[in-house]
C-alpha atoms as a PDB file:
ATOM      1  CA  UNK A   1       7.047  -1.061 -26.213  1.00  0.00           C
ATOM      2  CA  UNK A   2       3.195   0.816 -24.810  1.00  0.00           C
ATOM      3  CA  UNK A   3       2.017   0.008 -21.167  1.00  0.00           C
ATOM      4  CA  UNK A   4      -1.457  -1.443 -22.502  1.00  0.00           C
ATOM      5  CA  UNK A   5       0.551  -4.103 -25.050  1.00  0.00           C
ATOM      6  CA  UNK A   6       1.248  -5.703 -21.497  1.00  0.00           C
ATOM      7  CA  UNK A   7      -2.436  -6.742 -21.277  1.00  0.00           C
ATOM      8  CA  UNK A   8      -4.814  -9.219 -22.888  1.00  0.00           C
ATOM      9  CA  UNK A   9      -7.454  -7.823 -25.695  1.00  0.00           C
ATOM     10  CA  UNK A  10     -10.094  -9.602 -24.311  1.00  0.00           C
ATOM     11  CA  UNK A  11      -9.304  -7.952 -20.852  1.00  0.00           C
ATOM     12  CA  UNK A  12     -11.178  -4.228 -20.077  1.00  0.00           C
ATOM     13  CA  UNK A  13      -8.309  -1.767 -18.672  1.00  0.00           C
ATOM     14  CA  UNK A  14      -9.032   1.283 -16.914  1.00  0.00           C
ATOM     15  CA  UNK A  15      -6.163   4.185 -16.803  1.00  0.00           C
ATOM     16  CA  UNK A  16      -6.243   6.438 -13.875  1.00  0.00           C
ATOM     17  CA  UNK A  17      -4.302   9.452 -13.326  1.00  0.00           C
ATOM     18  CA  UNK A  18      -4.793  11.773 -10.255  1.00  0.00           C
ATOM     19  CA  UNK A  19      -1.834  14.613  -9.044  1.00  0.00           C
ATOM     20  CA  UNK A  20      -1.660  16.673  -6.012  1.00  0.00           C
ATOM     21  CA  UNK A  21      -0.032  17.446  -2.974  1.00  0.00           C
ATOM     22  CA  UNK A  22      -0.921  14.413  -0.616  1.00  0.00           C
ATOM     23  CA  UNK A  23      -0.025  11.489  -2.034  1.00  0.00           C
ATOM     24  CA  UNK A  24      -2.342   9.148   0.405  1.00  0.00           C
ATOM     25  CA  UNK A  25      -5.265  11.679  -0.551  1.00  0.00           C
ATOM     26  CA  UNK A  26      -4.350  10.472  -4.261  1.00  0.00           C
ATOM     27  CA  UNK A  27      -4.018   6.557  -3.092  1.00  0.00           C
ATOM     28  CA  UNK A  28      -7.313   6.957  -1.661  1.00  0.00           C
ATOM     29  CA  UNK A  29      -9.476   8.643  -4.809  1.00  0.00           C
ATOM     30  CA  UNK A  30      -8.026   6.360  -6.917  1.00  0.00           C
ATOM     31  CA  UNK A  31      -8.840   2.758  -4.207  1.00  0.00           C
ATOM     32  CA  UNK A  32     -12.141   4.643  -3.876  1.00  0.00           C
ATOM     33  CA  UNK A  33     -12.727   4.471  -7.484  1.00  0.00           C
ATOM     34  CA  UNK A  34     -11.185   0.797  -8.107  1.00  0.00           C
ATOM     35  CA  UNK A  35     -14.173  -0.174  -5.800  1.00  0.00           C
ATOM     36  CA  UNK A  36     -16.250   1.786  -8.268  1.00  0.00           C
ATOM     37  CA  UNK A  37     -15.888  -0.054 -11.162  1.00  0.00           C
ATOM     38  CA  UNK A  38     -15.888  -3.493 -11.117  1.00  0.00           C
ATOM     39  CA  UNK A  39     -12.256  -3.664 -11.854  1.00  0.00           C
ATOM     40  CA  UNK A  40     -10.500  -7.264 -10.421  1.00  0.00           C
ATOM     41  CA  UNK A  41      -6.898  -5.745 -10.484  1.00  0.00           C
ATOM     42  CA  UNK A  42      -4.833  -2.996 -10.105  1.00  0.00           C
ATOM     43  CA  UNK A  43      -1.493  -1.456 -11.119  1.00  0.00           C
ATOM     44  CA  UNK A  44      -0.018   1.163  -8.915  1.00  0.00           C
ATOM     45  CA  UNK A  45       3.268   2.719 -10.062  1.00  0.00           C
ATOM     46  CA  UNK A  46       4.192   6.361  -8.915  1.00  0.00           C
ATOM     47  CA  UNK A  47       4.816   8.838 -11.196  1.00  0.00           C
ATOM     48  CA  UNK A  48       8.564   9.470 -10.083  1.00  0.00           C
ATOM     49  CA  UNK A  49       9.572   6.004 -10.728  1.00  0.00           C
ATOM     50  CA  UNK A  50      11.086   4.463 -13.748  1.00  0.00           C
ATOM     51  CA  UNK A  51      10.353   1.197 -14.871  1.00  0.00           C
ATOM     52  CA  UNK A  52      11.168  -1.511 -17.884  1.00  0.00           C
ATOM     53  CA  UNK A  53       7.786  -3.843 -19.310  1.00  0.00           C
ATOM     54  CA  UNK A  54       9.869  -6.637 -17.721  1.00  0.00           C
ATOM     55  CA  UNK A  55       9.675  -5.198 -14.810  1.00  0.00           C
ATOM     56  CA  UNK A  56       5.901  -4.664 -14.727  1.00  0.00           C
ATOM     57  CA  UNK A  57       5.757  -7.958 -16.526  1.00  0.00           C
ATOM     58  CA  UNK A  58       7.218  -9.830 -13.243  1.00  0.00           C
ATOM     59  CA  UNK A  59       4.855  -8.274 -11.000  1.00  0.00           C
ATOM     60  CA  UNK A  60       1.867  -9.265 -13.124  1.00  0.00           C
ATOM     61  CA  UNK A  61       3.528 -12.779 -13.219  1.00  0.00           C
ATOM     62  CA  UNK A  62       3.104 -13.737  -9.423  1.00  0.00           C
ATOM     63  CA  UNK A  63      -0.735 -15.484  -8.225  1.00  0.00           C
ATOM     64  CA  UNK A  64      -0.533 -13.812  -5.434  1.00  0.00           C
ATOM     65  CA  UNK A  65      -2.873 -11.190  -4.141  1.00  0.00           C
ATOM     66  CA  UNK A  66      -0.464  -8.385  -3.867  1.00  0.00           C
ATOM     67  CA  UNK A  67       3.414  -8.178  -5.307  1.00  0.00           C
ATOM     68  CA  UNK A  68       5.000  -5.051  -4.963  1.00  0.00           C
ATOM     69  CA  UNK A  69       8.233  -4.291  -6.576  1.00  0.00           C
ATOM     70  CA  UNK A  70      12.258  -2.640  -4.425  1.00  0.00           C
ATOM     71  CA  UNK A  71      13.017   0.763  -5.583  1.00  0.00           C
ATOM     72  CA  UNK A  72      14.865   2.652  -4.112  1.00  0.00           C
ATOM     73  CA  UNK A  73      14.293   5.500  -1.499  1.00  0.00           C
ATOM     74  CA  UNK A  74      13.295   8.821  -2.569  1.00  0.00           C
ATOM     75  CA  UNK A  75      15.792  11.312  -1.135  1.00  0.00           C
ATOM     76  CA  UNK A  76      18.805   8.721  -0.225  1.00  0.00           C
ATOM     77  CA  UNK A  77      21.546  10.137  -2.406  1.00  0.00           C
ATOM     78  CA  UNK A  78      22.516   7.050  -3.689  1.00  0.00           C
ATOM     79  CA  UNK A  79      21.805   4.641  -5.996  1.00  0.00           C
ATOM     80  CA  UNK A  80      21.145   1.769  -4.161  1.00  0.00           C
ATOM     81  CA  UNK A  81      18.349   0.506  -3.334  1.00  0.00           C
ATOM     82  CA  UNK A  82      16.650   0.630   0.343  1.00  0.00           C
ATOM     83  CA  UNK A  83      14.231  -2.041   1.245  1.00  0.00           C
ATOM     84  CA  UNK A  84      11.677  -0.184   3.327  1.00  0.00           C
ATOM     85  CA  UNK A  85       9.197  -3.319   3.199  1.00  0.00           C
ATOM     86  CA  UNK A  86       9.223  -5.493   6.723  1.00  0.00           C
ATOM     87  CA  UNK A  87       9.843  -9.257   5.958  1.00  0.00           C
ATOM     88  CA  UNK A  88       7.207 -11.677   7.954  1.00  0.00           C
ATOM     89  CA  UNK A  89      11.102 -13.495   9.007  1.00  0.00           C
ATOM     90  CA  UNK A  90      14.203 -12.359  10.415  1.00  0.00           C
ATOM     91  CA  UNK A  91      16.115 -13.187   8.111  1.00  0.00           C
ATOM     92  CA  UNK A  92      14.421 -12.454   5.447  1.00  0.00           C
ATOM     93  CA  UNK A  93      13.787 -15.406   3.188  1.00  0.00           C
ATOM     94  CA  UNK A  94      13.047 -15.388  -0.315  1.00  0.00           C
ATOM     95  CA  UNK A  95      11.350 -17.557  -1.860  1.00  0.00           C
ATOM     96  CA  UNK A  96      12.298 -19.643  -5.281  1.00  0.00           C
ATOM     97  CA  UNK A  97      10.098 -16.722  -7.186  1.00  0.00           C
ATOM     98  CA  UNK A  98      12.711 -14.331  -5.736  1.00  0.00           C
ATOM     99  CA  UNK A  99       9.548 -13.111  -3.063  1.00  0.00           C
ATOM    100  CA  UNK A 100       8.953 -12.527   0.279  1.00  0.00           C
ATOM    101  CA  UNK A 101       6.390 -12.229   2.980  1.00  0.00           C
ATOM    102  CA  UNK A 102       6.544  -8.394   4.323  1.00  0.00           C
ATOM    103  CA  UNK A 103       4.558  -7.486   6.856  1.00  0.00           C
ATOM    104  CA  UNK A 104       3.947  -3.758   5.000  1.00  0.00           C
ATOM    105  CA  UNK A 105       5.777  -2.228   1.533  1.00  0.00           C
ATOM    106  CA  UNK A 106       5.874   0.366  -0.148  1.00  0.00           C
ATOM    107  CA  UNK A 107       3.308   1.518  -2.213  1.00  0.00           C
ATOM    108  CA  UNK A 108       4.669   3.595  -4.889  1.00  0.00           C
ATOM    109  CA  UNK A 109       5.231   0.207  -7.785  1.00  0.00           C
ATOM    110  CA  UNK A 110       3.052  -2.879  -6.970  1.00  0.00           C
ATOM    111  CA  UNK A 111       0.080  -5.526  -8.410  1.00  0.00           C
END
């Protein structure tokens, strides 16, 4: 299913793609463009991530300001997920929706 079919037909969708050696510069530019666009939501997906429509739908389904997905850490040499976010509680507490509150989280796949 094409990613655009995830969105309601009455919503305007703006897709922006930036490339370059410094991902933080691209994210800053995209954030600036978002603020000027008048859009109410932003979906970030890094180009080196593989994702399914169901994973995107799961992000979009939560009524939270920010929801991030967990993904394998780059150059780790393992298929095991390495979560780089920092939970607010120790041990981490997962709610009934499978979410946990974080102090910070990776920015490659979030809504």
